[in-house]
Amino acid sequence: MPISFPSNPAIGDTHVVGARTWTWDGTIWSIQATALGVASVSTSELVDDAVTAAKIASSAVTEGKIASNAVTQAKMASTLSAVTICTSSTKPASPFTGQVIFETDTNKMKVWLGSEWSNGTSHTGSLSVEYLIIAGGGGGGQGYQAGGGGAGGYRSSVVGETSGGGTSAEPATTVSVGTYVVIVGAGGSGGPSVNGASASKGSNGANSSFGSIVSLGGGGSTT
């Protein structure tokens, strides 16, 4: 129905029709915003496993309900987190395509591909590495009766490497982020020429090492 506004209003005059109020601003009648009532949500309108009055009181969210160190995994159900925390035996029963999980027992992050879980990416602060450390050989002796120097020793974690006809396979070593000293041992020098002597001894080869794993250098030839 049409609304009849007063003639010749003064600036600031109001006109009320029902629950609506208009104000004359000198050019037009402007309708004023109306406060809307907000009904509270009752416990009966929330399912038991959703938000309840016991979880969030009517005075809204307070620091006591969410600690000052923000929202943590402990405060959120794993299904609400960006990454679902579980174990290899407690993976989600009904995953959605693209869902990401982290298995605490395998330290692997996996993605549901739609029909199966991906193999996963291992997350760890260290790596297991194989090594082969060969030391410098010993120097040969001087003179026609002198022998050759001994071969440099070696240590290996690579299965199948042999030494003296036997298989040498030590456990792989574990490395983490950091700096490791690697030394490549030089071969020993041959025996020097000595005036008046028919032979002289060669020097030993130098040790090689990776961190604390050391291979001993070969012995120099005896005279």
N, C-alpha and C. Protein backbone atom coordinates (compact mmCIF):
# COMPACT_ATOMS: atom_id res chain seq x y z
N MET A 1 0.84 -1.18 0.00
CA MET A 1 0.00 0.00 0.00
C MET A 1 0.88 1.24 0.00
N PRO A 2 0.42 2.33 -0.59
CA PRO A 2 1.23 3.55 -0.65
C PRO A 2 1.41 4.17 0.72
N ILE A 3 2.56 4.85 0.89
CA ILE A 3 2.86 5.50 2.16
C ILE A 3 2.78 7.01 1.95
N SER A 4 2.03 7.68 2.82
CA SER A 4 1.87 9.14 2.74
C SER A 4 2.84 9.81 3.70
N PHE A 5 3.85 10.51 3.13
CA PHE A 5 4.82 11.19 3.96
C PHE A 5 4.34 12.63 4.23
N PRO A 6 4.71 13.22 5.35
CA PRO A 6 4.30 14.59 5.70
C PRO A 6 4.82 15.59 4.68
N SER A 7 4.05 16.63 4.45
CA SER A 7 4.48 17.70 3.55
C SER A 7 5.35 18.69 4.31
N ASN A 8 6.29 19.33 3.61
CA ASN A 8 7.17 20.34 4.18
C ASN A 8 7.87 19.90 5.46
N PRO A 9 8.55 18.72 5.44
CA PRO A 9 9.25 18.28 6.66
C PRO A 9 10.51 19.08 6.89
N ALA A 10 10.94 19.11 8.14
CA ALA A 10 12.21 19.73 8.50
C ALA A 10 13.29 18.65 8.53
N ILE A 11 14.53 19.06 8.31
CA ILE A 11 15.63 18.08 8.33
C ILE A 11 15.67 17.40 9.70
N GLY A 12 15.71 16.09 9.67
CA GLY A 12 15.75 15.33 10.90
C GLY A 12 14.41 14.80 11.32
N ASP A 13 13.31 15.27 10.67
CA ASP A 13 11.98 14.75 11.01
C ASP A 13 11.91 13.27 10.66
N THR A 14 11.14 12.53 11.44
CA THR A 14 10.97 11.09 11.20
C THR A 14 9.53 10.79 10.88
N HIS A 15 9.34 9.68 10.18
CA HIS A 15 8.00 9.22 9.86
C HIS A 15 7.97 7.72 10.09
N VAL A 16 7.03 7.25 10.91
CA VAL A 16 6.96 5.84 11.31
C VAL A 16 5.72 5.21 10.71
N VAL A 17 5.91 4.06 10.08
CA VAL A 17 4.79 3.25 9.59
C VAL A 17 5.06 1.82 10.01
N GLY A 18 4.27 1.30 10.92
CA GLY A 18 4.49 -0.04 11.45
C GLY A 18 5.81 -0.13 12.17
N ALA A 19 6.68 -1.08 11.72
CA ALA A 19 7.98 -1.25 12.35
C ALA A 19 9.08 -0.51 11.61
N ARG A 20 8.70 0.31 10.59
CA ARG A 20 9.70 0.99 9.80
C ARG A 20 9.72 2.48 10.10
N THR A 21 10.93 3.05 10.08
CA THR A 21 11.11 4.47 10.37
C THR A 21 11.92 5.12 9.26
N TRP A 22 11.43 6.29 8.78
CA TRP A 22 12.15 7.05 7.77
C TRP A 22 12.58 8.39 8.38
N THR A 23 13.69 8.93 7.88
CA THR A 23 14.17 10.24 8.34
C THR A 23 14.39 11.14 7.12
N TRP A 24 13.91 12.42 7.27
CA TRP A 24 14.08 13.38 6.18
C TRP A 24 15.46 14.02 6.28
N ASP A 25 16.28 13.88 5.20
CA ASP A 25 17.64 14.43 5.24
C ASP A 25 17.76 15.74 4.47
N GLY A 26 16.61 16.29 4.09
CA GLY A 26 16.61 17.54 3.35
C GLY A 26 16.37 17.33 1.87
N THR A 27 16.55 16.07 1.41
CA THR A 27 16.34 15.76 -0.01
C THR A 27 15.37 14.59 -0.17
N ILE A 28 15.62 13.52 0.62
CA ILE A 28 14.76 12.35 0.51
C ILE A 28 14.45 11.81 1.90
N TRP A 29 13.44 10.94 1.96
CA TRP A 29 13.16 10.19 3.18
C TRP A 29 14.01 8.91 3.14
N SER A 30 14.90 8.75 4.11
CA SER A 30 15.80 7.57 4.16
C SER A 30 15.28 6.60 5.21
N ILE A 31 15.12 5.34 4.80
CA ILE A 31 14.67 4.33 5.76
C ILE A 31 15.81 3.97 6.69
N GLN A 32 15.51 3.81 7.95
CA GLN A 32 16.53 3.49 8.96
C GLN A 32 16.66 1.99 9.11
N ALA A 33 17.90 1.58 9.41
CA ALA A 33 18.14 0.16 9.62
C ALA A 33 17.33 -0.32 10.81
N THR A 34 16.82 -1.53 10.68
CA THR A 34 16.02 -2.12 11.75
C THR A 34 16.81 -3.21 12.44
N ALA A 35 16.90 -3.16 13.74
CA ALA A 35 17.60 -4.19 14.50
C ALA A 35 16.86 -5.51 14.37
N LEU A 36 17.61 -6.57 14.04
CA LEU A 36 17.00 -7.87 13.89
C LEU A 36 17.24 -8.71 15.14
N GLY A 37 16.26 -9.34 15.61
CA GLY A 37 16.40 -10.22 16.77
C GLY A 37 17.10 -11.50 16.37
N VAL A 38 17.99 -12.00 17.21
CA VAL A 38 18.72 -13.24 16.92
C VAL A 38 18.33 -14.26 17.97
N ALA A 39 17.71 -15.31 17.50
CA ALA A 39 17.28 -16.35 18.43
C ALA A 39 18.47 -17.22 18.81
N SER A 40 18.53 -17.66 20.04
CA SER A 40 19.61 -18.52 20.47
C SER A 40 19.38 -19.94 19.98
N VAL A 41 20.48 -20.68 19.82
CA VAL A 41 20.41 -22.06 19.40
C VAL A 41 20.31 -22.93 20.64
N SER A 42 19.32 -23.76 20.67
CA SER A 42 19.12 -24.62 21.85
C SER A 42 19.84 -25.94 21.67
N THR A 43 20.02 -26.63 22.78
CA THR A 43 20.69 -27.93 22.74
C THR A 43 19.93 -28.91 21.87
N SER A 44 18.63 -28.82 21.87
CA SER A 44 17.82 -29.75 21.09
C SER A 44 18.00 -29.56 19.59
N GLU A 45 18.56 -28.42 19.18
CA GLU A 45 18.78 -28.17 17.76
C GLU A 45 20.17 -28.60 17.30
N LEU A 46 20.96 -29.12 18.22
CA LEU A 46 22.30 -29.60 17.90
C LEU A 46 22.38 -31.08 18.15
N VAL A 47 22.98 -31.82 17.22
CA VAL A 47 23.16 -33.25 17.45
C VAL A 47 24.21 -33.45 18.52
N ASP A 48 24.19 -34.62 19.12
CA ASP A 48 25.04 -34.87 20.28
C ASP A 48 26.53 -34.74 19.98
N ASP A 49 26.95 -35.12 18.74
CA ASP A 49 28.38 -35.07 18.45
C ASP A 49 28.80 -33.76 17.82
N ALA A 50 27.91 -32.75 17.82
CA ALA A 50 28.25 -31.44 17.30
C ALA A 50 28.48 -30.48 18.45
N VAL A 51 28.34 -29.19 18.20
CA VAL A 51 28.54 -28.19 19.25
C VAL A 51 27.35 -28.22 20.19
N THR A 52 27.63 -28.27 21.47
CA THR A 52 26.57 -28.28 22.47
C THR A 52 26.75 -27.11 23.43
N ALA A 53 25.72 -26.86 24.21
CA ALA A 53 25.80 -25.78 25.19
C ALA A 53 26.93 -26.03 26.19
N ALA A 54 27.21 -27.33 26.45
CA ALA A 54 28.27 -27.65 27.40
C ALA A 54 29.65 -27.34 26.83
N LYS A 55 29.78 -27.37 25.48
CA LYS A 55 31.07 -27.11 24.85
C LYS A 55 31.33 -25.63 24.67
N ILE A 56 30.30 -24.90 24.29
CA ILE A 56 30.43 -23.44 24.14
C ILE A 56 29.25 -22.79 24.85
N ALA A 57 29.55 -22.10 25.92
CA ALA A 57 28.49 -21.48 26.71
C ALA A 57 27.85 -20.33 25.94
N SER A 58 26.72 -19.84 26.43
CA SER A 58 26.00 -18.77 25.75
C SER A 58 26.79 -17.47 25.66
N SER A 59 27.84 -17.35 26.47
CA SER A 59 28.68 -16.15 26.43
C SER A 59 29.72 -16.21 25.32
N ALA A 60 29.56 -17.16 24.40
CA ALA A 60 30.40 -17.31 23.21
C ALA A 60 31.77 -17.87 23.55
N VAL A 61 32.66 -17.85 22.55
CA VAL A 61 33.97 -18.47 22.70
C VAL A 61 34.87 -17.58 23.54
N THR A 62 35.52 -18.16 24.53
CA THR A 62 36.43 -17.42 25.40
C THR A 62 37.82 -18.04 25.32
N GLU A 63 38.81 -17.34 25.89
CA GLU A 63 40.17 -17.84 25.87
C GLU A 63 40.28 -19.15 26.64
N GLY A 64 39.37 -19.33 27.59
CA GLY A 64 39.39 -20.57 28.34
C GLY A 64 39.03 -21.77 27.50
N LYS A 65 38.27 -21.53 26.41
CA LYS A 65 37.86 -22.63 25.53
C LYS A 65 38.89 -22.90 24.45
N ILE A 66 39.59 -21.87 24.00
CA ILE A 66 40.70 -22.04 23.06
C ILE A 66 41.90 -21.33 23.66
N ALA A 67 42.89 -22.09 24.05
CA ALA A 67 44.05 -21.53 24.76
C ALA A 67 44.76 -20.51 23.89
N SER A 68 45.58 -19.68 24.54
CA SER A 68 46.26 -18.59 23.84
C SER A 68 47.26 -19.09 22.81
N ASN A 69 47.68 -20.36 22.88
CA ASN A 69 48.62 -20.88 21.89
C ASN A 69 47.91 -21.40 20.66
N ALA A 70 46.69 -20.93 20.44
CA ALA A 70 45.92 -21.20 19.23
C ALA A 70 45.41 -22.64 19.16
N VAL A 71 44.84 -22.96 18.02
CA VAL A 71 44.23 -24.28 17.85
C VAL A 71 45.32 -25.31 17.56
N THR A 72 45.31 -26.40 18.26
CA THR A 72 46.29 -27.46 18.06
C THR A 72 45.58 -28.74 17.68
N GLN A 73 46.38 -29.75 17.28
CA GLN A 73 45.82 -31.04 16.90
C GLN A 73 45.02 -31.64 18.04
N ALA A 74 45.47 -31.40 19.27
CA ALA A 74 44.78 -31.94 20.42
C ALA A 74 43.39 -31.34 20.60
N LYS A 75 43.20 -30.10 20.09
CA LYS A 75 41.90 -29.44 20.23
C LYS A 75 40.97 -29.77 19.08
N MET A 76 41.52 -30.26 17.99
CA MET A 76 40.71 -30.58 16.82
C MET A 76 40.71 -32.08 16.59
N ALA A 77 39.57 -32.63 16.21
CA ALA A 77 39.51 -34.03 15.83
C ALA A 77 40.38 -34.22 14.59
N SER A 78 41.02 -35.39 14.48
CA SER A 78 41.93 -35.60 13.36
C SER A 78 41.22 -35.46 12.02
N THR A 79 39.92 -35.74 11.98
CA THR A 79 39.20 -35.64 10.71
C THR A 79 38.96 -34.20 10.30
N LEU A 80 39.21 -33.23 11.20
CA LEU A 80 39.02 -31.83 10.87
C LEU A 80 40.34 -31.16 10.51
N SER A 81 41.44 -31.85 10.74
CA SER A 81 42.74 -31.28 10.45
C SER A 81 43.02 -31.37 8.96
N ALA A 82 43.92 -30.51 8.49
CA ALA A 82 44.31 -30.57 7.08
C ALA A 82 44.96 -31.91 6.77
N VAL A 83 45.65 -32.49 7.74
CA VAL A 83 46.26 -33.81 7.60
C VAL A 83 45.72 -34.69 8.71
N THR A 84 45.23 -35.87 8.35
CA THR A 84 44.70 -36.79 9.35
C THR A 84 45.85 -37.55 10.00
N ILE A 85 45.95 -37.46 11.32
CA ILE A 85 46.99 -38.16 12.06
C ILE A 85 46.46 -39.53 12.45
N CYS A 86 47.19 -40.58 12.09
CA CYS A 86 46.73 -41.95 12.39
C CYS A 86 47.94 -42.87 12.42
N THR A 87 47.69 -44.17 12.43
CA THR A 87 48.76 -45.15 12.29
C THR A 87 48.45 -45.98 11.05
N SER A 88 49.37 -46.86 10.68
CA SER A 88 49.17 -47.67 9.49
C SER A 88 47.99 -48.62 9.64
N SER A 89 47.57 -48.87 10.87
CA SER A 89 46.43 -49.78 11.09
C SER A 89 45.14 -49.04 11.45
N THR A 90 45.20 -47.71 11.57
CA THR A 90 43.99 -46.96 11.92
C THR A 90 43.68 -45.89 10.86
N LYS A 91 44.02 -46.18 9.60
CA LYS A 91 43.73 -45.23 8.51
C LYS A 91 42.22 -45.05 8.38
N PRO A 92 41.77 -43.89 7.87
CA PRO A 92 40.33 -43.65 7.71
C PRO A 92 39.66 -44.76 6.92
N ALA A 93 38.50 -45.20 7.39
CA ALA A 93 37.79 -46.30 6.74
C ALA A 93 37.14 -45.87 5.43
N SER A 94 36.71 -44.62 5.36
CA SER A 94 36.05 -44.11 4.15
C SER A 94 36.74 -42.83 3.69
N PRO A 95 37.95 -42.93 3.16
CA PRO A 95 38.69 -41.73 2.76
C PRO A 95 38.10 -41.11 1.49
N PHE A 96 38.35 -39.82 1.29
CA PHE A 96 37.96 -39.15 0.06
C PHE A 96 39.19 -38.92 -0.80
N THR A 97 39.01 -38.83 -2.10
CA THR A 97 40.12 -38.65 -3.02
C THR A 97 40.90 -37.38 -2.69
N GLY A 98 42.19 -37.54 -2.53
CA GLY A 98 43.04 -36.41 -2.18
C GLY A 98 43.28 -36.26 -0.69
N GLN A 99 42.62 -37.08 0.13
CA GLN A 99 42.82 -36.97 1.58
C GLN A 99 44.25 -37.34 1.93
N VAL A 100 44.85 -36.56 2.82
CA VAL A 100 46.24 -36.76 3.22
C VAL A 100 46.29 -37.25 4.65
N ILE A 101 47.09 -38.26 4.90
CA ILE A 101 47.27 -38.78 6.26
C ILE A 101 48.76 -38.84 6.59
N PHE A 102 49.04 -38.85 7.89
CA PHE A 102 50.41 -39.04 8.36
C PHE A 102 50.39 -40.19 9.36
N GLU A 103 51.14 -41.27 9.06
CA GLU A 103 51.18 -42.44 9.94
C GLU A 103 52.31 -42.26 10.96
N THR A 104 51.95 -42.22 12.21
CA THR A 104 52.95 -41.97 13.24
C THR A 104 53.87 -43.16 13.47
N ASP A 105 53.44 -44.36 13.08
CA ASP A 105 54.29 -45.53 13.31
C ASP A 105 55.27 -45.78 12.17
N THR A 106 54.99 -45.22 10.98
CA THR A 106 55.90 -45.40 9.85
C THR A 106 56.57 -44.10 9.43
N ASN A 107 56.11 -42.95 9.99
CA ASN A 107 56.60 -41.62 9.62
C ASN A 107 56.41 -41.35 8.13
N LYS A 108 55.31 -41.88 7.55
CA LYS A 108 55.03 -41.68 6.14
C LYS A 108 53.76 -40.84 5.95
N MET A 109 53.82 -39.93 4.96
CA MET A 109 52.66 -39.15 4.57
C MET A 109 52.11 -39.76 3.29
N LYS A 110 50.80 -40.09 3.31
CA LYS A 110 50.19 -40.77 2.17
C LYS A 110 48.95 -40.02 1.69
N VAL A 111 48.57 -40.29 0.44
CA VAL A 111 47.40 -39.65 -0.17
C VAL A 111 46.48 -40.74 -0.71
N TRP A 112 45.14 -40.58 -0.49
CA TRP A 112 44.17 -41.53 -1.03
C TRP A 112 43.96 -41.20 -2.50
N LEU A 113 44.27 -42.15 -3.38
CA LEU A 113 44.24 -41.93 -4.82
C LEU A 113 42.88 -42.21 -5.45
N GLY A 114 41.92 -42.57 -4.64
CA GLY A 114 40.59 -42.88 -5.15
C GLY A 114 40.27 -44.34 -5.05
N SER A 115 41.32 -45.18 -5.13
CA SER A 115 41.13 -46.63 -5.01
C SER A 115 42.11 -47.27 -4.05
N GLU A 116 43.19 -46.54 -3.74
CA GLU A 116 44.20 -47.07 -2.82
C GLU A 116 45.03 -45.92 -2.28
N TRP A 117 45.77 -46.21 -1.19
CA TRP A 117 46.67 -45.22 -0.63
C TRP A 117 47.98 -45.22 -1.41
N SER A 118 48.58 -44.06 -1.58
CA SER A 118 49.89 -43.98 -2.23
C SER A 118 50.94 -44.66 -1.37
N ASN A 119 52.10 -44.95 -1.96
CA ASN A 119 53.16 -45.60 -1.20
C ASN A 119 53.65 -44.73 -0.06
N GLY A 120 53.52 -43.43 -0.21
CA GLY A 120 53.88 -42.51 0.86
C GLY A 120 55.29 -41.99 0.76
N THR A 121 55.49 -40.85 1.38
CA THR A 121 56.80 -40.22 1.45
C THR A 121 57.30 -40.30 2.88
N SER A 122 58.50 -40.82 3.06
CA SER A 122 59.06 -40.97 4.39
C SER A 122 59.56 -39.63 4.91
N HIS A 123 59.22 -39.31 6.14
CA HIS A 123 59.67 -38.08 6.77
C HIS A 123 60.50 -38.45 8.00
N THR A 124 61.77 -38.15 7.93
CA THR A 124 62.66 -38.49 9.02
C THR A 124 63.81 -37.49 9.08
N GLY A 125 64.44 -37.41 10.22
CA GLY A 125 65.55 -36.48 10.36
C GLY A 125 66.89 -37.09 10.01
N SER A 126 66.89 -38.38 9.58
CA SER A 126 68.16 -39.03 9.25
C SER A 126 67.95 -40.00 8.09
N LEU A 127 69.06 -40.41 7.48
CA LEU A 127 69.03 -41.34 6.36
C LEU A 127 70.02 -42.46 6.60
N SER A 128 69.68 -43.64 6.09
CA SER A 128 70.59 -44.77 6.15
C SER A 128 71.36 -44.83 4.83
N VAL A 129 72.69 -44.78 4.88
CA VAL A 129 73.51 -44.75 3.67
C VAL A 129 74.51 -45.90 3.66
N GLU A 130 74.81 -46.39 2.45
CA GLU A 130 75.86 -47.38 2.28
C GLU A 130 77.18 -46.66 2.01
N TYR A 131 78.28 -47.32 2.26
CA TYR A 131 79.58 -46.69 2.07
C TYR A 131 80.62 -47.71 1.59
N LEU A 132 81.65 -47.21 0.94
CA LEU A 132 82.80 -48.00 0.53
C LEU A 132 84.01 -47.10 0.72
N ILE A 133 84.86 -47.43 1.69
CA ILE A 133 85.99 -46.57 2.06
C ILE A 133 87.29 -47.34 1.83
N ILE A 134 88.09 -46.87 0.88
CA ILE A 134 89.34 -47.55 0.52
C ILE A 134 90.52 -46.65 0.91
N ALA A 135 91.46 -47.21 1.63
CA ALA A 135 92.63 -46.45 2.08
C ALA A 135 93.74 -46.51 1.03
N GLY A 136 94.75 -45.66 1.22
CA GLY A 136 95.90 -45.64 0.29
C GLY A 136 96.78 -46.86 0.47
N GLY A 137 97.31 -47.36 -0.66
CA GLY A 137 98.21 -48.52 -0.60
C GLY A 137 99.61 -48.13 -0.15
N GLY A 138 100.33 -49.09 0.37
CA GLY A 138 101.70 -48.83 0.83
C GLY A 138 102.68 -48.73 -0.33
N GLY A 139 103.75 -48.01 -0.12
CA GLY A 139 104.78 -47.84 -1.14
C GLY A 139 105.69 -49.05 -1.24
N GLY A 140 106.19 -49.32 -2.46
CA GLY A 140 107.11 -50.43 -2.65
C GLY A 140 108.50 -50.10 -2.15
N GLY A 141 109.26 -51.12 -1.86
CA GLY A 141 110.62 -50.92 -1.39
C GLY A 141 111.59 -50.62 -2.53
N GLN A 142 112.78 -50.17 -2.15
CA GLN A 142 113.84 -49.85 -3.13
C GLN A 142 114.81 -51.02 -3.18
N GLY A 143 115.14 -51.47 -4.38
CA GLY A 143 116.11 -52.55 -4.53
C GLY A 143 115.48 -53.78 -5.16
N TYR A 144 116.31 -54.60 -5.76
CA TYR A 144 115.77 -55.74 -6.51
C TYR A 144 115.19 -56.81 -5.61
N GLN A 145 115.56 -56.82 -4.33
CA GLN A 145 115.02 -57.81 -3.41
C GLN A 145 113.81 -57.29 -2.62
N ALA A 146 113.46 -56.00 -2.81
CA ALA A 146 112.35 -55.41 -2.03
C ALA A 146 111.00 -55.84 -2.61
N GLY A 147 110.03 -55.94 -1.74
CA GLY A 147 108.68 -56.33 -2.18
C GLY A 147 107.80 -55.10 -2.43
N GLY A 148 106.61 -55.39 -2.95
CA GLY A 148 105.63 -54.32 -3.17
C GLY A 148 104.91 -53.97 -1.88
N GLY A 149 104.34 -52.78 -1.85
CA GLY A 149 103.60 -52.35 -0.66
C GLY A 149 102.25 -53.07 -0.52
N GLY A 150 101.74 -53.07 0.69
CA GLY A 150 100.46 -53.72 0.93
C GLY A 150 99.29 -52.89 0.42
N ALA A 151 98.23 -53.57 0.04
CA ALA A 151 97.03 -52.86 -0.45
C ALA A 151 96.37 -52.09 0.69
N GLY A 152 95.77 -50.98 0.33
CA GLY A 152 95.04 -50.23 1.34
C GLY A 152 93.80 -50.98 1.81
N GLY A 153 93.55 -50.91 3.08
CA GLY A 153 92.37 -51.60 3.60
C GLY A 153 91.08 -50.92 3.16
N TYR A 154 89.97 -51.63 3.26
CA TYR A 154 88.71 -50.97 2.96
C TYR A 154 87.60 -51.52 3.85
N ARG A 155 86.62 -50.68 4.05
CA ARG A 155 85.42 -51.08 4.79
C ARG A 155 84.22 -50.77 3.91
N SER A 156 83.25 -51.67 3.90
CA SER A 156 82.13 -51.52 2.99
C SER A 156 80.85 -52.01 3.64
N SER A 157 79.74 -51.31 3.33
CA SER A 157 78.42 -51.79 3.74
C SER A 157 77.64 -52.28 2.54
N VAL A 158 78.31 -52.33 1.36
CA VAL A 158 77.66 -52.76 0.12
C VAL A 158 77.75 -54.27 0.02
N VAL A 159 76.62 -54.96 0.06
CA VAL A 159 76.62 -56.41 0.00
C VAL A 159 77.16 -56.86 -1.35
N GLY A 160 78.06 -57.82 -1.32
CA GLY A 160 78.63 -58.33 -2.56
C GLY A 160 80.06 -57.90 -2.76
N GLU A 161 80.51 -56.82 -2.08
CA GLU A 161 81.91 -56.43 -2.17
C GLU A 161 82.74 -57.50 -1.46
N THR A 162 83.85 -57.88 -2.05
CA THR A 162 84.66 -58.95 -1.46
C THR A 162 86.05 -58.47 -1.12
N SER A 163 86.65 -59.12 -0.16
CA SER A 163 88.02 -58.80 0.23
C SER A 163 88.71 -60.09 0.61
N GLY A 164 89.77 -60.45 -0.10
CA GLY A 164 90.50 -61.67 0.21
C GLY A 164 89.66 -62.92 0.04
N GLY A 165 88.71 -62.88 -0.88
CA GLY A 165 87.89 -64.05 -1.14
C GLY A 165 86.66 -64.15 -0.27
N GLY A 166 86.55 -63.28 0.72
CA GLY A 166 85.38 -63.32 1.60
C GLY A 166 84.46 -62.15 1.34
N THR A 167 83.25 -62.26 1.81
CA THR A 167 82.29 -61.17 1.64
C THR A 167 82.37 -60.19 2.80
N SER A 168 82.50 -58.91 2.50
CA SER A 168 82.57 -57.89 3.53
C SER A 168 81.31 -57.04 3.45
N ALA A 169 80.49 -57.08 4.47
CA ALA A 169 79.25 -56.29 4.47
C ALA A 169 78.94 -55.84 5.88
N GLU A 170 79.30 -54.61 6.21
CA GLU A 170 78.98 -54.04 7.51
C GLU A 170 77.61 -53.38 7.44
N PRO A 171 77.00 -53.11 8.57
CA PRO A 171 75.71 -52.41 8.56
C PRO A 171 75.83 -51.02 7.97
N ALA A 172 74.80 -50.58 7.25
CA ALA A 172 74.78 -49.21 6.73
C ALA A 172 74.82 -48.24 7.90
N THR A 173 75.33 -47.06 7.65
CA THR A 173 75.42 -46.07 8.72
C THR A 173 74.29 -45.04 8.58
N THR A 174 73.93 -44.42 9.67
CA THR A 174 72.86 -43.43 9.68
C THR A 174 73.45 -42.03 9.76
N VAL A 175 73.00 -41.16 8.86
CA VAL A 175 73.47 -39.78 8.87
C VAL A 175 72.28 -38.85 9.01
N SER A 176 72.50 -37.73 9.64
CA SER A 176 71.48 -36.70 9.77
C SER A 176 72.07 -35.38 9.26
N VAL A 177 71.27 -34.33 9.31
CA VAL A 177 71.74 -33.05 8.78
C VAL A 177 72.98 -32.59 9.54
N GLY A 178 74.00 -32.22 8.80
CA GLY A 178 75.24 -31.79 9.45
C GLY A 178 76.40 -31.86 8.48
N THR A 179 77.60 -31.68 8.98
CA THR A 179 78.82 -31.70 8.18
C THR A 179 79.64 -32.93 8.55
N TYR A 180 80.10 -33.66 7.55
CA TYR A 180 80.89 -34.86 7.78
C TYR A 180 82.24 -34.72 7.06
N VAL A 181 83.30 -35.09 7.75
CA VAL A 181 84.65 -35.01 7.18
C VAL A 181 84.94 -36.29 6.41
N VAL A 182 85.33 -36.13 5.14
CA VAL A 182 85.70 -37.27 4.29
C VAL A 182 87.18 -37.12 3.93
N ILE A 183 87.97 -38.14 4.23
CA ILE A 183 89.41 -38.11 3.94
C ILE A 183 89.73 -39.26 2.98
N VAL A 184 90.37 -38.92 1.87
CA VAL A 184 90.84 -39.93 0.90
C VAL A 184 92.34 -40.11 1.09
N GLY A 185 92.73 -41.26 1.61
CA GLY A 185 94.14 -41.49 1.92
C GLY A 185 95.00 -41.64 0.68
N ALA A 186 96.13 -41.00 0.68
CA ALA A 186 97.07 -41.10 -0.44
C ALA A 186 97.91 -42.37 -0.32
N GLY A 187 98.42 -42.83 -1.45
CA GLY A 187 99.30 -44.00 -1.44
C GLY A 187 100.66 -43.67 -0.85
N GLY A 188 101.31 -44.68 -0.29
CA GLY A 188 102.64 -44.46 0.28
C GLY A 188 103.69 -44.29 -0.82
N SER A 189 104.74 -43.60 -0.48
CA SER A 189 105.82 -43.39 -1.45
C SER A 189 106.78 -44.59 -1.45
N GLY A 190 107.43 -44.79 -2.60
CA GLY A 190 108.39 -45.88 -2.70
C GLY A 190 109.61 -45.63 -1.85
N GLY A 191 110.33 -46.70 -1.57
CA GLY A 191 111.53 -46.57 -0.75
C GLY A 191 112.56 -45.68 -1.42
N PRO A 192 113.22 -44.83 -0.68
CA PRO A 192 114.21 -43.92 -1.26
C PRO A 192 115.50 -44.65 -1.61
N SER A 193 116.22 -44.08 -2.53
CA SER A 193 117.52 -44.62 -2.89
C SER A 193 118.53 -44.21 -1.82
N VAL A 194 119.18 -45.19 -1.23
CA VAL A 194 120.12 -44.91 -0.14
C VAL A 194 121.53 -45.32 -0.59
N ASN A 195 122.46 -44.39 -0.53
CA ASN A 195 123.82 -44.69 -0.92
C ASN A 195 124.42 -45.79 -0.05
N GLY A 196 124.99 -46.77 -0.68
CA GLY A 196 125.64 -47.83 0.06
C GLY A 196 124.70 -48.90 0.54
N ALA A 197 123.41 -48.78 0.32
CA ALA A 197 122.46 -49.80 0.76
C ALA A 197 121.80 -50.41 -0.46
N SER A 198 121.53 -51.68 -0.38
CA SER A 198 120.93 -52.36 -1.53
C SER A 198 119.43 -52.19 -1.59
N ALA A 199 118.80 -51.79 -0.48
CA ALA A 199 117.33 -51.67 -0.47
C ALA A 199 116.90 -50.73 0.65
N SER A 200 115.68 -50.17 0.50
CA SER A 200 115.09 -49.34 1.56
C SER A 200 113.58 -49.56 1.58
N LYS A 201 112.98 -49.25 2.68
CA LYS A 201 111.56 -49.54 2.93
C LYS A 201 110.66 -48.44 2.36
N GLY A 202 109.51 -48.85 1.78
CA GLY A 202 108.52 -47.89 1.34
C GLY A 202 107.66 -47.42 2.51
N SER A 203 107.01 -46.25 2.34
CA SER A 203 106.18 -45.72 3.44
C SER A 203 104.77 -46.29 3.39
N ASN A 204 104.10 -46.23 4.53
CA ASN A 204 102.73 -46.73 4.62
C ASN A 204 101.75 -45.82 3.87
N GLY A 205 100.68 -46.41 3.40
CA GLY A 205 99.62 -45.62 2.80
C GLY A 205 98.82 -44.90 3.88
N ALA A 206 98.17 -43.80 3.52
CA ALA A 206 97.39 -43.02 4.49
C ALA A 206 95.99 -43.60 4.68
N ASN A 207 95.43 -43.38 5.85
CA ASN A 207 94.07 -43.86 6.14
C ASN A 207 93.03 -43.05 5.35
N SER A 208 91.92 -43.69 5.05
CA SER A 208 90.75 -43.01 4.47
C SER A 208 89.61 -43.13 5.48
N SER A 209 88.74 -42.12 5.50
CA SER A 209 87.66 -42.16 6.50
C SER A 209 86.45 -41.38 6.04
N PHE A 210 85.32 -41.78 6.58
CA PHE A 210 84.06 -41.05 6.42
C PHE A 210 83.50 -40.89 7.82
N GLY A 211 83.59 -39.67 8.36
CA GLY A 211 83.18 -39.48 9.75
C GLY A 211 84.06 -40.31 10.66
N SER A 212 83.41 -41.18 11.44
CA SER A 212 84.16 -42.02 12.39
C SER A 212 84.52 -43.38 11.82
N ILE A 213 84.17 -43.65 10.56
CA ILE A 213 84.48 -44.95 9.93
C ILE A 213 85.82 -44.83 9.22
N VAL A 214 86.78 -45.65 9.62
CA VAL A 214 88.16 -45.50 9.13
C VAL A 214 88.64 -46.79 8.50
N SER A 215 89.28 -46.67 7.32
CA SER A 215 90.00 -47.78 6.69
C SER A 215 91.49 -47.50 6.80
N LEU A 216 92.27 -48.49 7.23
CA LEU A 216 93.69 -48.30 7.47
C LEU A 216 94.51 -48.40 6.19
N GLY A 217 95.52 -47.55 6.08
CA GLY A 217 96.39 -47.57 4.92
C GLY A 217 97.23 -48.83 4.85
N GLY A 218 97.64 -49.20 3.63
CA GLY A 218 98.47 -50.39 3.45
C GLY A 218 99.89 -50.17 3.96
N GLY A 219 100.53 -51.25 4.37
CA GLY A 219 101.90 -51.15 4.89
C GLY A 219 102.93 -51.00 3.78
N GLY A 220 103.95 -50.23 4.05
CA GLY A 220 105.05 -50.08 3.09
C GLY A 220 105.85 -51.37 2.99
N SER A 221 106.51 -51.55 1.86
CA SER A 221 107.30 -52.75 1.64
C SER A 221 108.47 -52.81 2.61
N THR A 222 108.80 -54.01 3.06
CA THR A 222 110.00 -54.20 3.87
C THR A 222 111.17 -54.45 2.97
N THR A 223 112.32 -54.25 3.50
CA THR A 223 113.53 -54.43 2.67
C THR A 223 113.92 -55.88 2.63
